Amino acid sequence: MSKSKKSGLPLNTLSEIPTSNVDARSITALRKENGLVIGYQLSDGTLLEKTEALNLARQGGIIGVGIATRKGEEYLKSIPDGSESNNLGNLPSVKQE
């Protein structure tokens, strides 16, 4: 697992950018409760809690995300690539069954 810190806006909002494994999955939907993200759905249909997703991202299992911190809490954030359409905030929400 390798982590890199990159400089420059808006990458400087990310505290970690894990290197993705070749078999890394992408986030396809958000799990929300009362408007707050509590987890994620991955491209293979797996539903993860927020903490599980952070750990998996650090291990290189999720592509296209970095780790940021707000008010002392870590969360996943899309790695800026100039496209708004693939930002996590633009993904649909799903409910856990």
N, C-alpha and C. Protein backbone atom coordinates (compact mmCIF):
# COMPACT_ATOMS: atom_id res chain seq x y z
N MET A 1 0.85 -1.17 0.00
CA MET A 1 0.00 0.00 0.00
C MET A 1 0.89 1.23 0.00
N SER A 2 0.67 2.07 -0.96
CA SER A 2 1.48 3.27 -0.97
C SER A 2 0.56 4.47 -0.97
N LYS A 3 0.91 5.47 -0.23
CA LYS A 3 0.13 6.68 -0.12
C LYS A 3 1.00 7.83 -0.58
N SER A 4 0.37 8.76 -1.22
CA SER A 4 1.14 9.92 -1.61
C SER A 4 0.38 11.17 -1.26
N LYS A 5 1.09 12.21 -0.93
CA LYS A 5 0.48 13.51 -0.72
C LYS A 5 0.82 14.35 -1.94
N LYS A 6 -0.18 14.98 -2.50
CA LYS A 6 0.04 15.81 -3.67
C LYS A 6 -0.29 17.24 -3.31
N SER A 7 0.39 18.16 -3.96
CA SER A 7 0.13 19.56 -3.69
C SER A 7 -0.65 20.16 -4.84
N GLY A 8 -1.26 21.29 -4.58
CA GLY A 8 -2.02 21.99 -5.60
C GLY A 8 -3.50 21.90 -5.33
N LEU A 9 -4.22 22.90 -5.79
CA LEU A 9 -5.67 22.90 -5.62
C LEU A 9 -6.29 22.09 -6.72
N PRO A 10 -7.35 21.36 -6.50
CA PRO A 10 -7.98 21.05 -5.23
C PRO A 10 -7.45 19.78 -4.59
N LEU A 11 -6.37 19.22 -5.08
CA LEU A 11 -5.80 18.02 -4.48
C LEU A 11 -5.37 18.23 -3.05
N ASN A 12 -5.08 19.47 -2.66
CA ASN A 12 -4.60 19.70 -1.30
C ASN A 12 -5.67 19.47 -0.25
N THR A 13 -6.91 19.24 -0.65
CA THR A 13 -7.96 18.92 0.30
C THR A 13 -7.91 17.45 0.71
N LEU A 14 -7.11 16.65 0.01
CA LEU A 14 -6.98 15.23 0.33
C LEU A 14 -5.75 15.00 1.20
N SER A 15 -5.95 14.30 2.31
CA SER A 15 -4.82 14.01 3.19
C SER A 15 -4.06 12.76 2.72
N GLU A 16 -4.75 11.87 2.02
CA GLU A 16 -4.12 10.66 1.49
C GLU A 16 -4.72 10.36 0.12
N ILE A 17 -3.87 9.87 -0.78
CA ILE A 17 -4.34 9.37 -2.07
C ILE A 17 -3.74 7.98 -2.24
N PRO A 18 -4.51 6.95 -1.82
CA PRO A 18 -3.99 5.59 -1.93
C PRO A 18 -3.83 5.17 -3.39
N THR A 19 -2.84 4.34 -3.65
CA THR A 19 -2.64 3.77 -4.98
C THR A 19 -3.59 2.59 -5.14
N SER A 20 -4.37 2.60 -6.20
CA SER A 20 -5.37 1.55 -6.43
C SER A 20 -4.73 0.27 -6.96
N ASN A 21 -5.24 -0.86 -6.50
CA ASN A 21 -4.84 -2.16 -7.03
C ASN A 21 -5.45 -2.36 -8.42
N VAL A 22 -4.94 -3.31 -9.18
CA VAL A 22 -5.48 -3.57 -10.52
C VAL A 22 -6.91 -4.08 -10.45
N ASP A 23 -7.31 -4.72 -9.35
CA ASP A 23 -8.67 -5.23 -9.22
C ASP A 23 -9.57 -4.33 -8.37
N ALA A 24 -9.17 -3.08 -8.19
CA ALA A 24 -9.94 -2.14 -7.38
C ALA A 24 -11.32 -1.91 -8.00
N ARG A 25 -12.28 -1.72 -7.12
CA ARG A 25 -13.65 -1.44 -7.55
C ARG A 25 -13.92 0.06 -7.43
N SER A 26 -14.96 0.51 -8.07
CA SER A 26 -15.33 1.93 -7.99
C SER A 26 -16.60 2.07 -7.15
N ILE A 27 -16.83 3.27 -6.66
CA ILE A 27 -18.05 3.57 -5.92
C ILE A 27 -19.11 3.97 -6.93
N THR A 28 -20.28 3.30 -6.86
CA THR A 28 -21.36 3.57 -7.82
C THR A 28 -22.56 4.27 -7.19
N ALA A 29 -22.66 4.24 -5.87
CA ALA A 29 -23.79 4.89 -5.19
C ALA A 29 -23.42 5.17 -3.74
N LEU A 30 -24.16 6.09 -3.15
CA LEU A 30 -23.97 6.47 -1.76
C LEU A 30 -25.10 5.91 -0.92
N ARG A 31 -24.79 5.54 0.30
CA ARG A 31 -25.81 5.17 1.27
C ARG A 31 -25.94 6.34 2.23
N LYS A 32 -27.13 6.91 2.34
CA LYS A 32 -27.33 8.09 3.17
C LYS A 32 -28.40 7.84 4.22
N GLU A 33 -28.24 8.56 5.32
CA GLU A 33 -29.23 8.56 6.39
C GLU A 33 -29.36 10.00 6.85
N ASN A 34 -30.57 10.52 6.78
CA ASN A 34 -30.82 11.92 7.14
C ASN A 34 -29.91 12.88 6.39
N GLY A 35 -29.64 12.58 5.12
CA GLY A 35 -28.83 13.43 4.27
C GLY A 35 -27.33 13.26 4.42
N LEU A 36 -26.88 12.44 5.37
CA LEU A 36 -25.45 12.23 5.60
C LEU A 36 -25.02 10.90 5.01
N VAL A 37 -23.84 10.88 4.41
CA VAL A 37 -23.29 9.63 3.85
C VAL A 37 -22.88 8.72 5.00
N ILE A 38 -23.44 7.50 5.00
CA ILE A 38 -23.09 6.51 6.03
C ILE A 38 -22.38 5.31 5.43
N GLY A 39 -22.34 5.25 4.09
CA GLY A 39 -21.69 4.13 3.43
C GLY A 39 -21.73 4.28 1.91
N TYR A 40 -21.29 3.21 1.24
CA TYR A 40 -21.12 3.25 -0.21
C TYR A 40 -21.50 1.91 -0.82
N GLN A 41 -21.93 1.97 -2.08
CA GLN A 41 -22.11 0.76 -2.87
C GLN A 41 -21.00 0.72 -3.90
N LEU A 42 -20.36 -0.44 -4.03
CA LEU A 42 -19.26 -0.59 -4.98
C LEU A 42 -19.77 -1.18 -6.30
N SER A 43 -18.92 -1.13 -7.30
CA SER A 43 -19.27 -1.56 -8.65
C SER A 43 -19.67 -3.03 -8.73
N ASP A 44 -19.30 -3.84 -7.74
CA ASP A 44 -19.72 -5.25 -7.74
C ASP A 44 -20.97 -5.47 -6.89
N GLY A 45 -21.59 -4.37 -6.42
CA GLY A 45 -22.82 -4.46 -5.63
C GLY A 45 -22.59 -4.52 -4.13
N THR A 46 -21.34 -4.64 -3.68
CA THR A 46 -21.03 -4.71 -2.26
C THR A 46 -21.43 -3.40 -1.57
N LEU A 47 -22.09 -3.51 -0.41
CA LEU A 47 -22.44 -2.35 0.40
C LEU A 47 -21.48 -2.29 1.57
N LEU A 48 -20.85 -1.14 1.77
CA LEU A 48 -19.88 -0.97 2.84
C LEU A 48 -20.28 0.19 3.73
N GLU A 49 -20.00 0.04 5.02
CA GLU A 49 -20.11 1.16 5.95
C GLU A 49 -18.96 2.12 5.64
N LYS A 50 -19.09 3.34 6.10
CA LYS A 50 -18.08 4.37 5.83
C LYS A 50 -16.68 3.93 6.28
N THR A 51 -16.57 3.39 7.49
CA THR A 51 -15.26 2.96 8.02
C THR A 51 -14.67 1.83 7.19
N GLU A 52 -15.51 0.87 6.77
CA GLU A 52 -15.03 -0.24 5.94
C GLU A 52 -14.50 0.29 4.61
N ALA A 53 -15.20 1.27 4.03
CA ALA A 53 -14.78 1.84 2.75
C ALA A 53 -13.45 2.59 2.90
N LEU A 54 -13.29 3.32 4.00
CA LEU A 54 -12.01 4.01 4.24
C LEU A 54 -10.87 3.01 4.32
N ASN A 55 -11.07 1.92 5.04
CA ASN A 55 -10.03 0.89 5.17
C ASN A 55 -9.73 0.25 3.83
N LEU A 56 -10.77 -0.08 3.06
CA LEU A 56 -10.57 -0.70 1.75
C LEU A 56 -9.85 0.25 0.80
N ALA A 57 -10.20 1.53 0.83
CA ALA A 57 -9.52 2.52 -0.01
C ALA A 57 -8.03 2.59 0.34
N ARG A 58 -7.72 2.58 1.63
CA ARG A 58 -6.31 2.62 2.07
C ARG A 58 -5.54 1.39 1.59
N GLN A 59 -6.24 0.28 1.42
CA GLN A 59 -5.61 -0.96 0.95
C GLN A 59 -5.54 -1.01 -0.58
N GLY A 60 -6.04 0.03 -1.25
CA GLY A 60 -6.01 0.07 -2.71
C GLY A 60 -7.19 -0.61 -3.37
N GLY A 61 -8.24 -0.90 -2.60
CA GLY A 61 -9.38 -1.63 -3.14
C GLY A 61 -10.46 -0.78 -3.77
N ILE A 62 -10.34 0.55 -3.70
CA ILE A 62 -11.32 1.45 -4.32
C ILE A 62 -10.57 2.44 -5.19
N ILE A 63 -10.98 2.52 -6.43
CA ILE A 63 -10.30 3.41 -7.39
C ILE A 63 -10.97 4.78 -7.43
N GLY A 64 -10.16 5.81 -7.67
CA GLY A 64 -10.68 7.15 -7.92
C GLY A 64 -11.01 7.98 -6.70
N VAL A 65 -10.58 7.51 -5.50
CA VAL A 65 -10.89 8.28 -4.29
C VAL A 65 -9.64 8.55 -3.47
N GLY A 66 -9.73 9.63 -2.72
CA GLY A 66 -8.72 9.96 -1.74
C GLY A 66 -9.41 10.10 -0.40
N ILE A 67 -8.64 10.34 0.62
CA ILE A 67 -9.17 10.47 1.97
C ILE A 67 -8.98 11.90 2.44
N ALA A 68 -10.06 12.49 2.90
CA ALA A 68 -10.04 13.87 3.40
C ALA A 68 -10.58 13.85 4.83
N THR A 69 -10.39 14.96 5.52
CA THR A 69 -10.88 15.09 6.90
C THR A 69 -11.64 16.40 7.03
N ARG A 70 -12.80 16.30 7.68
CA ARG A 70 -13.61 17.49 7.96
C ARG A 70 -14.09 17.39 9.40
N LYS A 71 -13.83 18.41 10.19
CA LYS A 71 -14.23 18.44 11.60
C LYS A 71 -13.76 17.19 12.33
N GLY A 72 -12.54 16.75 12.01
CA GLY A 72 -11.95 15.61 12.68
C GLY A 72 -12.42 14.25 12.20
N GLU A 73 -13.32 14.21 11.23
CA GLU A 73 -13.84 12.94 10.72
C GLU A 73 -13.34 12.68 9.31
N GLU A 74 -12.81 11.48 9.08
CA GLU A 74 -12.33 11.11 7.75
C GLU A 74 -13.49 10.68 6.86
N TYR A 75 -13.33 10.96 5.56
CA TYR A 75 -14.33 10.55 4.58
C TYR A 75 -13.64 10.39 3.23
N LEU A 76 -14.32 9.68 2.33
CA LEU A 76 -13.80 9.51 0.98
C LEU A 76 -14.23 10.67 0.12
N LYS A 77 -13.35 11.06 -0.78
CA LYS A 77 -13.62 12.17 -1.69
C LYS A 77 -13.05 11.79 -3.06
N SER A 78 -13.76 12.15 -4.11
CA SER A 78 -13.26 11.88 -5.46
C SER A 78 -11.95 12.59 -5.70
N ILE A 79 -11.04 11.93 -6.41
CA ILE A 79 -9.81 12.59 -6.82
C ILE A 79 -10.17 13.54 -7.96
N PRO A 80 -9.89 14.82 -7.81
CA PRO A 80 -10.27 15.79 -8.85
C PRO A 80 -9.64 15.45 -10.20
N ASP A 81 -10.49 15.44 -11.23
CA ASP A 81 -10.00 15.17 -12.58
C ASP A 81 -10.59 16.13 -13.61
N GLY A 82 -11.21 17.21 -13.13
CA GLY A 82 -11.77 18.20 -14.03
C GLY A 82 -13.19 17.90 -14.47
N SER A 83 -13.73 16.75 -14.09
CA SER A 83 -15.10 16.39 -14.46
C SER A 83 -15.97 16.35 -13.21
N GLU A 84 -17.06 17.10 -13.23
CA GLU A 84 -17.99 17.11 -12.10
C GLU A 84 -18.86 15.86 -12.09
N SER A 85 -19.07 15.26 -13.26
CA SER A 85 -20.04 14.16 -13.39
C SER A 85 -19.67 12.92 -12.60
N ASN A 86 -18.38 12.72 -12.31
CA ASN A 86 -18.00 11.51 -11.59
C ASN A 86 -17.67 11.78 -10.12
N ASN A 87 -18.02 12.95 -9.61
CA ASN A 87 -17.80 13.25 -8.19
C ASN A 87 -18.74 12.42 -7.34
N LEU A 88 -18.28 11.99 -6.18
CA LEU A 88 -19.11 11.16 -5.31
C LEU A 88 -20.44 11.84 -4.98
N GLY A 89 -20.43 13.14 -4.80
CA GLY A 89 -21.66 13.87 -4.47
C GLY A 89 -22.70 13.83 -5.57
N ASN A 90 -22.32 13.48 -6.78
CA ASN A 90 -23.26 13.40 -7.90
C ASN A 90 -23.80 11.99 -8.12
N LEU A 91 -23.37 11.04 -7.29
CA LEU A 91 -23.83 9.66 -7.45
C LEU A 91 -25.22 9.48 -6.84
N PRO A 92 -25.97 8.50 -7.32
CA PRO A 92 -27.29 8.23 -6.74
C PRO A 92 -27.15 7.64 -5.34
N SER A 93 -28.24 7.64 -4.59
CA SER A 93 -28.29 7.05 -3.27
C SER A 93 -29.00 5.70 -3.35
N VAL A 94 -28.58 4.76 -2.52
CA VAL A 94 -29.23 3.46 -2.42
C VAL A 94 -29.55 3.18 -0.96
N LYS A 95 -30.52 2.31 -0.75
CA LYS A 95 -30.87 1.89 0.61
C LYS A 95 -30.38 0.48 0.83
N GLN A 96 -29.94 0.22 2.03
CA GLN A 96 -29.51 -1.13 2.37
C GLN A 96 -30.75 -1.98 2.58
N GLU A 97 -30.75 -3.15 1.99
CA GLU A 97 -31.92 -4.03 2.09
C GLU A 97 -31.88 -4.84 3.35
